[in-house]
Amino acid sequence: MTDERLPQITLTLALICIGAFLARLVISELSNLRVDYALGLIPAVITGKSDLANSVSVVPDAATLATALFLHSSFLHLFGNMLYLWIFGQAMEDTLGGIRFFLFYLSCGIVAALSHVANDPASAVPMIGASGAISGLLGGFLILHPSAKLLIIAPTRRLRLRTVAVPAALVLALWLAYQLYNFFAADPLQPNVAWLAHVGGFFAGLILAHPFMWTKNRA
């Protein structure tokens, strides 16, 4: 038998996100809106262009760079992020170790959030979701596992589905191209997705992967 340890930090992050989403289902729409404004990232608040009412603010403004990572607006939003977290989080946690993985995840999420703030500093719309931090996992995975392959589902000539091993570098390059395309093509008057946060998180992962790995090797 092989000794396969549970990815405890990955699992904990996922459970917190799932728990927070389930809590949203049992409270009113107005309460959900208050949660988004209290714990979501609001660029205008971070840049000092706006202030939250005392009745809404529950954490320091800077803390929302982290708290926003655990909130999701819909089931599809949550499911997509948790799927990527589970796939890439396990590998990164195994490579970096639990504590370093958590700090890496949080660092990428904060850089992603700041990328969004830099892009739209006057926005008063809360940004929520783990996408930026998870984008960092993708970037880190590409650096630390450059020759890895991912299994994807693809149709055959007879329109049957099968799994195919594809270089992770190709998949992630296409993913990054998709994020950049959407960022430049998006309607600035309808900022439904913080595309630049995804890009910022990804490049944070590319840059921070080796430093975090270096600290592990030095320990």
N, C-alpha and C. Protein backbone atom coordinates (compact mmCIF):
# COMPACT_ATOMS: atom_id res chain seq x y z
N MET A 1 0.84 -1.20 0.00
CA MET A 1 0.00 0.00 0.00
C MET A 1 0.87 1.25 0.00
N THR A 2 0.44 2.27 -0.71
CA THR A 2 1.17 3.52 -0.72
C THR A 2 0.56 4.46 0.31
N ASP A 3 1.40 5.29 0.87
CA ASP A 3 0.97 6.25 1.87
C ASP A 3 0.61 7.57 1.17
N GLU A 4 -0.67 7.75 0.91
CA GLU A 4 -1.13 8.94 0.24
C GLU A 4 -1.80 9.85 1.26
N ARG A 5 -1.17 10.98 1.50
CA ARG A 5 -1.71 11.92 2.48
C ARG A 5 -2.76 12.81 1.84
N LEU A 6 -3.78 13.12 2.62
CA LEU A 6 -4.78 14.06 2.13
C LEU A 6 -4.16 15.45 1.99
N PRO A 7 -4.50 16.15 0.94
CA PRO A 7 -4.02 17.53 0.80
C PRO A 7 -4.80 18.43 1.76
N GLN A 8 -4.35 18.52 2.99
CA GLN A 8 -5.15 19.13 4.05
C GLN A 8 -5.46 20.60 3.80
N ILE A 9 -4.49 21.37 3.33
CA ILE A 9 -4.73 22.79 3.10
C ILE A 9 -5.67 22.98 1.91
N THR A 10 -5.46 22.24 0.85
CA THR A 10 -6.35 22.31 -0.30
C THR A 10 -7.77 21.97 0.11
N LEU A 11 -7.91 20.91 0.88
CA LEU A 11 -9.24 20.49 1.33
C LEU A 11 -9.87 21.54 2.23
N THR A 12 -9.07 22.12 3.12
CA THR A 12 -9.59 23.14 4.03
C THR A 12 -10.05 24.37 3.26
N LEU A 13 -9.25 24.82 2.30
CA LEU A 13 -9.63 25.97 1.48
C LEU A 13 -10.95 25.70 0.75
N ALA A 14 -11.07 24.51 0.20
CA ALA A 14 -12.28 24.16 -0.53
C ALA A 14 -13.49 24.12 0.40
N LEU A 15 -13.32 23.55 1.58
CA LEU A 15 -14.44 23.45 2.52
C LEU A 15 -14.89 24.82 3.01
N ILE A 16 -13.94 25.73 3.21
CA ILE A 16 -14.31 27.09 3.63
C ILE A 16 -15.13 27.77 2.53
N CYS A 17 -14.68 27.64 1.29
CA CYS A 17 -15.42 28.24 0.17
C CYS A 17 -16.81 27.63 0.03
N ILE A 18 -16.89 26.31 0.15
CA ILE A 18 -18.19 25.64 0.03
C ILE A 18 -19.09 26.03 1.19
N GLY A 19 -18.53 26.08 2.40
CA GLY A 19 -19.32 26.47 3.56
C GLY A 19 -19.85 27.89 3.44
N ALA A 20 -19.00 28.80 2.96
CA ALA A 20 -19.43 30.19 2.78
C ALA A 20 -20.53 30.28 1.74
N PHE A 21 -20.43 29.47 0.68
CA PHE A 21 -21.47 29.51 -0.35
C PHE A 21 -22.79 28.95 0.18
N LEU A 22 -22.72 27.86 0.93
CA LEU A 22 -23.94 27.28 1.49
C LEU A 22 -24.62 28.26 2.44
N ALA A 23 -23.80 29.02 3.17
CA ALA A 23 -24.37 30.02 4.07
C ALA A 23 -25.13 31.09 3.28
N ARG A 24 -24.63 31.42 2.10
CA ARG A 24 -25.31 32.41 1.26
C ARG A 24 -26.70 31.94 0.85
N LEU A 25 -26.88 30.62 0.74
CA LEU A 25 -28.15 30.09 0.27
C LEU A 25 -29.27 30.24 1.28
N VAL A 26 -28.92 30.39 2.55
CA VAL A 26 -29.94 30.42 3.60
C VAL A 26 -30.19 31.83 4.13
N ILE A 27 -29.50 32.82 3.59
CA ILE A 27 -29.74 34.19 4.00
C ILE A 27 -30.38 34.97 2.86
N SER A 28 -30.92 36.10 3.15
CA SER A 28 -31.66 36.87 2.15
C SER A 28 -30.72 37.48 1.11
N GLU A 29 -31.31 37.89 -0.01
CA GLU A 29 -30.53 38.54 -1.06
C GLU A 29 -29.88 39.82 -0.55
N LEU A 30 -30.60 40.55 0.29
CA LEU A 30 -30.05 41.78 0.86
C LEU A 30 -28.86 41.46 1.76
N SER A 31 -28.97 40.40 2.54
CA SER A 31 -27.86 40.01 3.42
C SER A 31 -26.65 39.58 2.61
N ASN A 32 -26.89 38.87 1.49
CA ASN A 32 -25.78 38.49 0.61
C ASN A 32 -25.07 39.71 0.06
N LEU A 33 -25.85 40.72 -0.30
CA LEU A 33 -25.26 41.95 -0.82
C LEU A 33 -24.41 42.63 0.24
N ARG A 34 -24.89 42.63 1.48
CA ARG A 34 -24.12 43.22 2.58
C ARG A 34 -22.83 42.45 2.80
N VAL A 35 -22.88 41.12 2.68
CA VAL A 35 -21.67 40.31 2.84
C VAL A 35 -20.66 40.64 1.75
N ASP A 36 -21.15 40.77 0.51
CA ASP A 36 -20.25 41.08 -0.61
C ASP A 36 -19.56 42.42 -0.39
N TYR A 37 -20.30 43.41 0.10
CA TYR A 37 -19.70 44.72 0.33
C TYR A 37 -18.81 44.73 1.56
N ALA A 38 -19.13 43.90 2.54
CA ALA A 38 -18.33 43.88 3.76
C ALA A 38 -17.04 43.09 3.60
N LEU A 39 -17.09 41.97 2.85
CA LEU A 39 -15.94 41.08 2.76
C LEU A 39 -15.35 40.98 1.36
N GLY A 40 -16.06 41.50 0.37
CA GLY A 40 -15.53 41.51 -0.99
C GLY A 40 -14.52 42.63 -1.18
N LEU A 41 -13.75 42.53 -2.26
CA LEU A 41 -12.74 43.55 -2.55
C LEU A 41 -13.37 44.67 -3.37
N ILE A 42 -13.33 45.90 -2.83
CA ILE A 42 -13.87 47.06 -3.54
C ILE A 42 -12.69 47.98 -3.86
N PRO A 43 -12.29 48.07 -5.12
CA PRO A 43 -11.12 48.88 -5.47
C PRO A 43 -11.17 50.30 -4.93
N ALA A 44 -12.32 50.95 -5.03
CA ALA A 44 -12.42 52.34 -4.58
C ALA A 44 -12.15 52.49 -3.09
N VAL A 45 -12.48 51.46 -2.33
CA VAL A 45 -12.21 51.49 -0.88
C VAL A 45 -10.72 51.28 -0.63
N ILE A 46 -10.11 50.36 -1.36
CA ILE A 46 -8.67 50.11 -1.20
C ILE A 46 -7.85 51.33 -1.57
N THR A 47 -8.26 52.04 -2.62
CA THR A 47 -7.50 53.21 -3.07
C THR A 47 -7.88 54.49 -2.32
N GLY A 48 -8.86 54.41 -1.43
CA GLY A 48 -9.25 55.58 -0.65
C GLY A 48 -10.19 56.53 -1.37
N LYS A 49 -10.71 56.11 -2.52
CA LYS A 49 -11.63 56.96 -3.26
C LYS A 49 -13.05 56.87 -2.71
N SER A 50 -13.30 55.89 -1.85
CA SER A 50 -14.62 55.72 -1.26
C SER A 50 -14.45 55.07 0.11
N ASP A 51 -15.48 55.16 0.94
CA ASP A 51 -15.46 54.55 2.27
C ASP A 51 -16.72 53.73 2.47
N LEU A 52 -16.58 52.64 3.22
CA LEU A 52 -17.74 51.86 3.59
C LEU A 52 -18.38 52.44 4.84
N ALA A 53 -19.69 52.36 4.92
CA ALA A 53 -20.38 52.80 6.13
C ALA A 53 -19.97 51.90 7.29
N ASN A 54 -19.90 52.47 8.47
CA ASN A 54 -19.51 51.70 9.66
C ASN A 54 -20.43 50.51 9.89
N SER A 55 -21.67 50.65 9.48
CA SER A 55 -22.64 49.57 9.68
C SER A 55 -22.38 48.39 8.75
N VAL A 56 -21.60 48.61 7.68
CA VAL A 56 -21.30 47.55 6.71
C VAL A 56 -19.91 46.96 6.95
N SER A 57 -18.94 47.79 7.24
CA SER A 57 -17.56 47.35 7.40
C SER A 57 -17.41 46.44 8.62
N VAL A 58 -16.81 45.27 8.40
CA VAL A 58 -16.61 44.32 9.51
C VAL A 58 -15.15 43.92 9.66
N VAL A 59 -14.32 44.17 8.65
CA VAL A 59 -12.89 43.86 8.71
C VAL A 59 -12.13 45.06 8.18
N PRO A 60 -10.84 45.19 8.50
CA PRO A 60 -10.05 46.27 7.91
C PRO A 60 -10.08 46.20 6.39
N ASP A 61 -10.03 47.35 5.75
CA ASP A 61 -10.13 47.39 4.29
C ASP A 61 -9.13 46.46 3.61
N ALA A 62 -7.88 46.46 4.10
CA ALA A 62 -6.84 45.63 3.48
C ALA A 62 -7.15 44.15 3.61
N ALA A 63 -7.88 43.77 4.64
CA ALA A 63 -8.18 42.36 4.86
C ALA A 63 -9.09 41.80 3.78
N THR A 64 -9.82 42.66 3.08
CA THR A 64 -10.71 42.17 2.03
C THR A 64 -9.93 41.62 0.84
N LEU A 65 -8.64 41.94 0.74
CA LEU A 65 -7.81 41.31 -0.29
C LEU A 65 -7.78 39.80 -0.10
N ALA A 66 -7.97 39.34 1.14
CA ALA A 66 -7.97 37.91 1.44
C ALA A 66 -9.38 37.36 1.60
N THR A 67 -10.25 38.08 2.31
CA THR A 67 -11.60 37.55 2.57
C THR A 67 -12.39 37.35 1.28
N ALA A 68 -12.14 38.19 0.28
CA ALA A 68 -12.86 38.06 -0.99
C ALA A 68 -12.60 36.72 -1.67
N LEU A 69 -11.48 36.09 -1.34
CA LEU A 69 -11.11 34.82 -1.98
C LEU A 69 -12.03 33.67 -1.61
N PHE A 70 -12.81 33.83 -0.54
CA PHE A 70 -13.62 32.73 -0.04
C PHE A 70 -15.10 32.86 -0.37
N LEU A 71 -15.46 33.89 -1.12
CA LEU A 71 -16.86 34.13 -1.48
C LEU A 71 -17.08 33.84 -2.96
N HIS A 72 -18.25 33.28 -3.28
CA HIS A 72 -18.59 32.99 -4.68
C HIS A 72 -20.05 33.35 -4.92
N SER A 73 -20.32 33.83 -6.12
CA SER A 73 -21.63 34.38 -6.41
C SER A 73 -22.65 33.37 -6.90
N SER A 74 -22.20 32.24 -7.43
CA SER A 74 -23.13 31.24 -7.97
C SER A 74 -22.51 29.85 -7.86
N PHE A 75 -23.35 28.84 -8.10
CA PHE A 75 -22.86 27.47 -8.04
C PHE A 75 -21.80 27.21 -9.11
N LEU A 76 -22.03 27.71 -10.33
CA LEU A 76 -21.05 27.51 -11.40
C LEU A 76 -19.73 28.21 -11.09
N HIS A 77 -19.82 29.40 -10.50
CA HIS A 77 -18.62 30.14 -10.09
C HIS A 77 -17.83 29.31 -9.08
N LEU A 78 -18.54 28.77 -8.10
CA LEU A 78 -17.90 27.95 -7.08
C LEU A 78 -17.36 26.65 -7.67
N PHE A 79 -18.17 25.96 -8.46
CA PHE A 79 -17.77 24.65 -8.99
C PHE A 79 -16.52 24.75 -9.84
N GLY A 80 -16.47 25.74 -10.73
CA GLY A 80 -15.30 25.90 -11.59
C GLY A 80 -14.04 26.14 -10.79
N ASN A 81 -14.13 27.03 -9.81
CA ASN A 81 -12.95 27.33 -8.99
C ASN A 81 -12.52 26.14 -8.15
N MET A 82 -13.48 25.43 -7.57
CA MET A 82 -13.12 24.29 -6.72
C MET A 82 -12.55 23.15 -7.54
N LEU A 83 -13.00 22.99 -8.77
CA LEU A 83 -12.44 21.96 -9.65
C LEU A 83 -10.97 22.24 -9.92
N TYR A 84 -10.66 23.48 -10.29
CA TYR A 84 -9.27 23.85 -10.54
C TYR A 84 -8.44 23.77 -9.26
N LEU A 85 -9.03 24.20 -8.14
CA LEU A 85 -8.31 24.13 -6.87
C LEU A 85 -7.95 22.69 -6.54
N TRP A 86 -8.89 21.78 -6.74
CA TRP A 86 -8.64 20.39 -6.39
C TRP A 86 -7.59 19.76 -7.30
N ILE A 87 -7.64 20.08 -8.58
CA ILE A 87 -6.69 19.49 -9.53
C ILE A 87 -5.27 20.02 -9.30
N PHE A 88 -5.14 21.34 -9.26
CA PHE A 88 -3.81 21.94 -9.18
C PHE A 88 -3.35 22.16 -7.73
N GLY A 89 -4.29 22.33 -6.83
CA GLY A 89 -3.92 22.53 -5.43
C GLY A 89 -3.22 21.33 -4.83
N GLN A 90 -3.72 20.14 -5.14
CA GLN A 90 -3.10 18.93 -4.60
C GLN A 90 -1.64 18.83 -5.02
N ALA A 91 -1.38 19.06 -6.30
CA ALA A 91 -0.02 18.95 -6.81
C ALA A 91 0.88 20.01 -6.19
N MET A 92 0.38 21.24 -6.08
CA MET A 92 1.20 22.31 -5.53
C MET A 92 1.42 22.14 -4.03
N GLU A 93 0.42 21.66 -3.33
CA GLU A 93 0.59 21.42 -1.89
C GLU A 93 1.61 20.31 -1.65
N ASP A 94 1.54 19.27 -2.47
CA ASP A 94 2.50 18.18 -2.33
C ASP A 94 3.92 18.64 -2.62
N THR A 95 4.06 19.57 -3.57
CA THR A 95 5.38 20.07 -3.95
C THR A 95 5.94 21.04 -2.92
N LEU A 96 5.11 21.96 -2.44
CA LEU A 96 5.59 23.03 -1.56
C LEU A 96 5.49 22.69 -0.08
N GLY A 97 4.59 21.79 0.28
CA GLY A 97 4.30 21.58 1.69
C GLY A 97 3.14 22.48 2.12
N GLY A 98 2.44 22.08 3.17
CA GLY A 98 1.20 22.74 3.55
C GLY A 98 1.31 24.24 3.81
N ILE A 99 2.21 24.64 4.70
CA ILE A 99 2.30 26.05 5.09
C ILE A 99 2.73 26.91 3.91
N ARG A 100 3.76 26.49 3.20
CA ARG A 100 4.23 27.26 2.05
C ARG A 100 3.18 27.33 0.96
N PHE A 101 2.46 26.23 0.79
CA PHE A 101 1.38 26.24 -0.21
C PHE A 101 0.32 27.27 0.16
N PHE A 102 -0.07 27.32 1.43
CA PHE A 102 -1.09 28.29 1.84
C PHE A 102 -0.60 29.72 1.62
N LEU A 103 0.65 29.99 2.00
CA LEU A 103 1.20 31.34 1.83
C LEU A 103 1.33 31.69 0.35
N PHE A 104 1.70 30.70 -0.46
CA PHE A 104 1.79 30.91 -1.91
C PHE A 104 0.41 31.24 -2.48
N TYR A 105 -0.58 30.47 -2.10
CA TYR A 105 -1.97 30.66 -2.55
C TYR A 105 -2.46 32.05 -2.17
N LEU A 106 -2.24 32.43 -0.92
CA LEU A 106 -2.69 33.73 -0.43
C LEU A 106 -1.96 34.86 -1.15
N SER A 107 -0.65 34.70 -1.35
CA SER A 107 0.14 35.73 -2.03
C SER A 107 -0.34 35.95 -3.45
N CYS A 108 -0.60 34.86 -4.16
CA CYS A 108 -1.10 34.98 -5.54
C CYS A 108 -2.47 35.64 -5.56
N GLY A 109 -3.31 35.29 -4.59
CA GLY A 109 -4.63 35.90 -4.53
C GLY A 109 -4.57 37.39 -4.28
N ILE A 110 -3.65 37.81 -3.42
CA ILE A 110 -3.50 39.24 -3.11
C ILE A 110 -2.96 40.00 -4.32
N VAL A 111 -1.96 39.43 -5.00
CA VAL A 111 -1.44 40.07 -6.21
C VAL A 111 -2.53 40.17 -7.27
N ALA A 112 -3.33 39.13 -7.41
CA ALA A 112 -4.42 39.15 -8.37
C ALA A 112 -5.40 40.27 -8.04
N ALA A 113 -5.74 40.38 -6.76
CA ALA A 113 -6.68 41.43 -6.33
C ALA A 113 -6.12 42.82 -6.60
N LEU A 114 -4.84 43.00 -6.32
CA LEU A 114 -4.20 44.30 -6.55
C LEU A 114 -4.13 44.61 -8.06
N SER A 115 -4.02 43.59 -8.88
CA SER A 115 -4.05 43.80 -10.33
C SER A 115 -5.39 44.37 -10.76
N HIS A 116 -6.45 43.84 -10.15
CA HIS A 116 -7.79 44.35 -10.45
C HIS A 116 -7.94 45.78 -9.97
N VAL A 117 -7.41 46.07 -8.78
CA VAL A 117 -7.48 47.42 -8.23
C VAL A 117 -6.74 48.40 -9.14
N ALA A 118 -5.55 48.00 -9.59
CA ALA A 118 -4.76 48.87 -10.47
C ALA A 118 -5.48 49.13 -11.79
N ASN A 119 -6.20 48.14 -12.27
CA ASN A 119 -6.90 48.29 -13.54
C ASN A 119 -8.14 49.17 -13.44
N ASP A 120 -8.80 49.13 -12.27
CA ASP A 120 -10.05 49.89 -12.12
C ASP A 120 -10.13 50.47 -10.71
N PRO A 121 -9.27 51.44 -10.40
CA PRO A 121 -9.14 51.92 -9.02
C PRO A 121 -10.36 52.63 -8.47
N ALA A 122 -11.25 53.10 -9.32
CA ALA A 122 -12.43 53.84 -8.84
C ALA A 122 -13.68 52.98 -8.77
N SER A 123 -13.56 51.69 -9.08
CA SER A 123 -14.73 50.82 -9.09
C SER A 123 -15.29 50.64 -7.68
N ALA A 124 -16.61 50.74 -7.56
CA ALA A 124 -17.28 50.51 -6.28
C ALA A 124 -18.00 49.17 -6.26
N VAL A 125 -17.70 48.32 -7.24
CA VAL A 125 -18.33 47.00 -7.34
C VAL A 125 -17.46 45.97 -6.62
N PRO A 126 -18.01 45.22 -5.67
CA PRO A 126 -17.20 44.22 -4.96
C PRO A 126 -16.74 43.10 -5.90
N MET A 127 -15.49 42.71 -5.78
CA MET A 127 -14.97 41.55 -6.49
C MET A 127 -14.85 40.40 -5.50
N ILE A 128 -15.42 39.25 -5.85
CA ILE A 128 -15.33 38.08 -4.98
C ILE A 128 -14.92 36.88 -5.81
N GLY A 129 -14.38 35.87 -5.14
CA GLY A 129 -14.01 34.64 -5.82
C GLY A 129 -12.55 34.28 -5.65
N ALA A 130 -12.26 32.99 -5.76
CA ALA A 130 -10.90 32.47 -5.58
C ALA A 130 -10.13 32.41 -6.88
N SER A 131 -10.70 32.91 -7.97
CA SER A 131 -10.09 32.74 -9.29
C SER A 131 -8.66 33.25 -9.37
N GLY A 132 -8.39 34.42 -8.76
CA GLY A 132 -7.05 34.98 -8.84
C GLY A 132 -6.02 34.11 -8.18
N ALA A 133 -6.34 33.61 -6.98
CA ALA A 133 -5.41 32.73 -6.27
C ALA A 133 -5.21 31.42 -7.02
N ILE A 134 -6.29 30.89 -7.56
CA ILE A 134 -6.20 29.62 -8.29
C ILE A 134 -5.43 29.82 -9.60
N SER A 135 -5.56 30.98 -10.21
CA SER A 135 -4.74 31.29 -11.39
C SER A 135 -3.26 31.23 -11.03
N GLY A 136 -2.94 31.67 -9.81
CA GLY A 136 -1.55 31.57 -9.34
C GLY A 136 -1.09 30.14 -9.23
N LEU A 137 -1.99 29.24 -8.85
CA LEU A 137 -1.63 27.81 -8.79
C LEU A 137 -1.30 27.30 -10.18
N LEU A 138 -2.03 27.77 -11.18
CA LEU A 138 -1.75 27.34 -12.55
C LEU A 138 -0.36 27.81 -12.98
N GLY A 139 -0.05 29.07 -12.68
CA GLY A 139 1.27 29.58 -13.03
C GLY A 139 2.38 28.85 -12.30
N GLY A 140 2.18 28.61 -11.00
CA GLY A 140 3.18 27.88 -10.23
C GLY A 140 3.36 26.46 -10.71
N PHE A 141 2.26 25.82 -11.06
CA PHE A 141 2.31 24.44 -11.57
C PHE A 141 3.12 24.39 -12.85
N LEU A 142 2.93 25.38 -13.72
CA LEU A 142 3.66 25.41 -14.99
C LEU A 142 5.16 25.52 -14.75
N ILE A 143 5.56 26.30 -13.74
CA ILE A 143 6.98 26.48 -13.45
C ILE A 143 7.58 25.24 -12.79
N LEU A 144 6.89 24.68 -11.81
CA LEU A 144 7.44 23.56 -11.04
C LEU A 144 7.23 22.20 -11.69
N HIS A 145 6.27 22.12 -12.63
CA HIS A 145 6.01 20.84 -13.32
C HIS A 145 5.89 21.10 -14.82
N PRO A 146 6.96 21.61 -15.44
CA PRO A 146 6.87 22.04 -16.84
C PRO A 146 6.60 20.91 -17.83
N SER A 147 6.95 19.69 -17.48
CA SER A 147 6.76 18.58 -18.42
C SER A 147 5.53 17.74 -18.10
N ALA A 148 4.74 18.19 -17.15
CA ALA A 148 3.55 17.43 -16.75
C ALA A 148 2.52 17.40 -17.87
N LYS A 149 1.66 16.38 -17.82
CA LYS A 149 0.57 16.28 -18.78
C LYS A 149 -0.76 16.23 -18.03
N LEU A 150 -1.79 16.75 -18.66
CA LEU A 150 -3.12 16.77 -18.08
C LEU A 150 -4.04 15.89 -18.91
N LEU A 151 -4.93 15.19 -18.24
CA LEU A 151 -5.92 14.38 -18.94
C LEU A 151 -7.13 15.24 -19.24
N ILE A 152 -7.50 15.31 -20.51
CA ILE A 152 -8.69 16.04 -20.90
C ILE A 152 -9.62 15.10 -21.67
N ILE A 153 -10.89 15.45 -21.70
CA ILE A 153 -11.87 14.64 -22.42
C ILE A 153 -12.02 15.22 -23.82
N ALA A 154 -11.84 14.35 -24.82
CA ALA A 154 -11.91 14.80 -26.21
C ALA A 154 -12.74 13.81 -27.03
N PRO A 155 -13.45 14.29 -28.06
CA PRO A 155 -14.25 13.39 -28.90
C PRO A 155 -13.38 12.68 -29.94
N THR A 156 -13.75 11.47 -30.30
CA THR A 156 -13.07 10.73 -31.36
C THR A 156 -13.78 11.00 -32.69
N ARG A 157 -13.29 10.40 -33.75
CA ARG A 157 -13.91 10.60 -35.07
C ARG A 157 -15.33 10.06 -35.09
N ARG A 158 -15.60 9.06 -34.25
CA ARG A 158 -16.95 8.50 -34.17
C ARG A 158 -17.79 9.18 -33.10
N LEU A 159 -17.32 10.36 -32.69
CA LEU A 159 -18.03 11.18 -31.72
C LEU A 159 -18.18 10.50 -30.36
N ARG A 160 -17.24 9.63 -30.06
CA ARG A 160 -17.20 9.05 -28.73
C ARG A 160 -16.18 9.83 -27.89
N LEU A 161 -16.38 9.84 -26.60
CA LEU A 161 -15.48 10.60 -25.73
C LEU A 161 -14.38 9.70 -25.18
N ARG A 162 -13.19 10.25 -25.09
CA ARG A 162 -12.08 9.52 -24.50
C ARG A 162 -11.16 10.53 -23.81
N THR A 163 -10.33 10.02 -22.93
CA THR A 163 -9.37 10.89 -22.25
C THR A 163 -8.05 10.90 -23.02
N VAL A 164 -7.48 12.10 -23.13
CA VAL A 164 -6.24 12.29 -23.88
C VAL A 164 -5.26 13.05 -23.00
N ALA A 165 -4.01 12.59 -22.96
CA ALA A 165 -2.96 13.28 -22.20
C ALA A 165 -2.39 14.40 -23.05
N VAL A 166 -2.48 15.62 -22.55
CA VAL A 166 -2.02 16.81 -23.28
C VAL A 166 -0.99 17.54 -22.41
N PRO A 167 0.09 18.04 -23.00
CA PRO A 167 1.07 18.79 -22.21
C PRO A 167 0.41 19.93 -21.44
N ALA A 168 0.69 19.99 -20.14
CA ALA A 168 0.10 21.04 -19.31
C ALA A 168 0.49 22.42 -19.82
N ALA A 169 1.71 22.56 -20.33
CA ALA A 169 2.16 23.86 -20.83
C ALA A 169 1.26 24.37 -21.94
N LEU A 170 0.80 23.47 -22.81
CA LEU A 170 -0.09 23.86 -23.91
C LEU A 170 -1.45 24.29 -23.38
N VAL A 171 -1.99 23.50 -22.46
CA VAL A 171 -3.31 23.81 -21.89
C VAL A 171 -3.27 25.16 -21.17
N LEU A 172 -2.23 25.39 -20.39
CA LEU A 172 -2.16 26.62 -19.61
C LEU A 172 -1.85 27.82 -20.49
N ALA A 173 -1.10 27.62 -21.56
CA ALA A 173 -0.86 28.71 -22.51
C ALA A 173 -2.16 29.13 -23.18
N LEU A 174 -2.98 28.15 -23.56
CA LEU A 174 -4.28 28.47 -24.15
C LEU A 174 -5.19 29.14 -23.14
N TRP A 175 -5.11 28.68 -21.89
CA TRP A 175 -5.91 29.31 -20.83
C TRP A 175 -5.52 30.78 -20.66
N LEU A 176 -4.23 31.06 -20.64
CA LEU A 176 -3.76 32.44 -20.49
C LEU A 176 -4.18 33.29 -21.68
N ALA A 177 -4.09 32.74 -22.87
CA ALA A 177 -4.50 33.48 -24.06
C ALA A 177 -5.98 33.83 -24.00
N TYR A 178 -6.77 32.92 -23.48
CA TYR A 178 -8.21 33.15 -23.34
C TYR A 178 -8.49 34.28 -22.36
N GLN A 179 -7.75 34.31 -21.24
CA GLN A 179 -7.93 35.37 -20.25
C GLN A 179 -7.56 36.73 -20.85
N LEU A 180 -6.44 36.78 -21.57
CA LEU A 180 -5.99 38.04 -22.17
C LEU A 180 -6.97 38.51 -23.25
N TYR A 181 -7.46 37.58 -24.05
CA TYR A 181 -8.43 37.94 -25.08
C TYR A 181 -9.67 38.57 -24.44
N ASN A 182 -10.19 37.94 -23.41
CA ASN A 182 -11.39 38.45 -22.76
C ASN A 182 -11.14 39.78 -22.07
N PHE A 183 -9.93 39.97 -21.55
CA PHE A 183 -9.63 41.25 -20.91
C PHE A 183 -9.69 42.39 -21.94
N PHE A 184 -9.07 42.19 -23.10
CA PHE A 184 -9.03 43.25 -24.10
C PHE A 184 -10.35 43.39 -24.85
N ALA A 185 -11.14 42.30 -24.91
CA ALA A 185 -12.40 42.34 -25.65
C ALA A 185 -13.58 42.72 -24.78
N ALA A 186 -13.41 42.70 -23.46
CA ALA A 186 -14.54 42.93 -22.56
C ALA A 186 -15.06 44.35 -22.66
N ASP A 187 -16.35 44.49 -22.45
CA ASP A 187 -16.99 45.81 -22.42
C ASP A 187 -16.67 46.47 -21.08
N PRO A 188 -15.95 47.59 -21.08
CA PRO A 188 -15.57 48.23 -19.82
C PRO A 188 -16.76 48.70 -18.99
N LEU A 189 -17.93 48.84 -19.64
CA LEU A 189 -19.12 49.26 -18.91
C LEU A 189 -19.85 48.09 -18.26
N GLN A 190 -19.39 46.87 -18.55
CA GLN A 190 -20.00 45.69 -17.95
C GLN A 190 -18.91 44.77 -17.41
N PRO A 191 -18.27 45.18 -16.33
CA PRO A 191 -17.14 44.40 -15.78
C PRO A 191 -17.63 43.21 -14.93
N ASN A 192 -18.18 42.20 -15.61
CA ASN A 192 -18.73 41.06 -14.87
C ASN A 192 -17.65 40.13 -14.35
N VAL A 193 -16.53 40.07 -15.05
CA VAL A 193 -15.43 39.18 -14.65
C VAL A 193 -14.15 40.00 -14.58
N ALA A 194 -13.40 39.81 -13.50
CA ALA A 194 -12.13 40.54 -13.33
C ALA A 194 -11.03 39.77 -14.05
N TRP A 195 -11.00 39.89 -15.38
CA TRP A 195 -10.06 39.10 -16.19
C TRP A 195 -8.61 39.41 -15.83
N LEU A 196 -8.32 40.68 -15.55
CA LEU A 196 -6.93 41.03 -15.25
C LEU A 196 -6.48 40.43 -13.92
N ALA A 197 -7.41 40.17 -13.01
CA ALA A 197 -7.06 39.50 -11.76
C ALA A 197 -6.56 38.08 -12.05
N HIS A 198 -7.18 37.42 -13.02
CA HIS A 198 -6.73 36.08 -13.42
C HIS A 198 -5.31 36.15 -13.97
N VAL A 199 -5.08 37.14 -14.84
CA VAL A 199 -3.76 37.30 -15.46
C VAL A 199 -2.72 37.65 -14.39
N GLY A 200 -3.07 38.58 -13.50
CA GLY A 200 -2.14 38.97 -12.44
C GLY A 200 -1.81 37.82 -11.52
N GLY A 201 -2.81 37.02 -11.18
CA GLY A 201 -2.56 35.86 -10.32
C GLY A 201 -1.67 34.84 -11.00
N PHE A 202 -1.90 34.62 -12.29
CA PHE A 202 -1.09 33.65 -13.05
C PHE A 202 0.37 34.06 -13.06
N PHE A 203 0.65 35.33 -13.35
CA PHE A 203 2.04 35.78 -13.41
C PHE A 203 2.66 35.82 -12.02
N ALA A 204 1.83 36.06 -10.99
CA ALA A 204 2.35 35.97 -9.62
C ALA A 204 2.82 34.55 -9.34
N GLY A 205 2.04 33.56 -9.81
CA GLY A 205 2.44 32.17 -9.64
C GLY A 205 3.72 31.84 -10.37
N LEU A 206 3.86 32.37 -11.60
CA LEU A 206 5.09 32.15 -12.36
C LEU A 206 6.31 32.70 -11.62
N ILE A 207 6.15 33.89 -11.04
CA ILE A 207 7.28 34.57 -10.41
C ILE A 207 7.59 34.02 -9.02
N LEU A 208 6.56 33.66 -8.28
CA LEU A 208 6.76 33.27 -6.87
C LEU A 208 7.06 31.78 -6.68
N ALA A 209 6.82 30.97 -7.69
CA ALA A 209 6.98 29.52 -7.52
C ALA A 209 8.38 29.14 -7.06
N HIS A 210 9.39 29.62 -7.76
CA HIS A 210 10.76 29.25 -7.40
C HIS A 210 11.19 29.80 -6.04
N PRO A 211 10.88 31.07 -5.70
CA PRO A 211 11.22 31.54 -4.35
C PRO A 211 10.59 30.71 -3.24
N PHE A 212 9.34 30.31 -3.41
CA PHE A 212 8.70 29.48 -2.38
C PHE A 212 9.33 28.09 -2.35
N MET A 213 9.72 27.57 -3.49
CA MET A 213 10.39 26.27 -3.54
C MET A 213 11.78 26.38 -2.92
N TRP A 214 12.44 27.51 -3.14
CA TRP A 214 13.77 27.72 -2.59
C TRP A 214 13.73 27.72 -1.06
N THR A 215 12.71 28.35 -0.48
CA THR A 215 12.61 28.37 0.98
C THR A 215 12.36 26.96 1.53
N LYS A 216 11.69 26.13 0.75
CA LYS A 216 11.47 24.75 1.20
C LYS A 216 12.78 23.99 1.21
N ASN A 217 13.57 24.17 0.16
CA ASN A 217 14.84 23.46 0.07
C ASN A 217 15.84 23.95 1.13
N ARG A 218 15.67 25.20 1.59
CA ARG A 218 16.58 25.75 2.60
C ARG A 218 16.19 25.33 4.00
N ALA A 219 14.92 24.88 4.17
CA ALA A 219 14.45 24.56 5.53
C ALA A 219 15.12 23.31 6.06
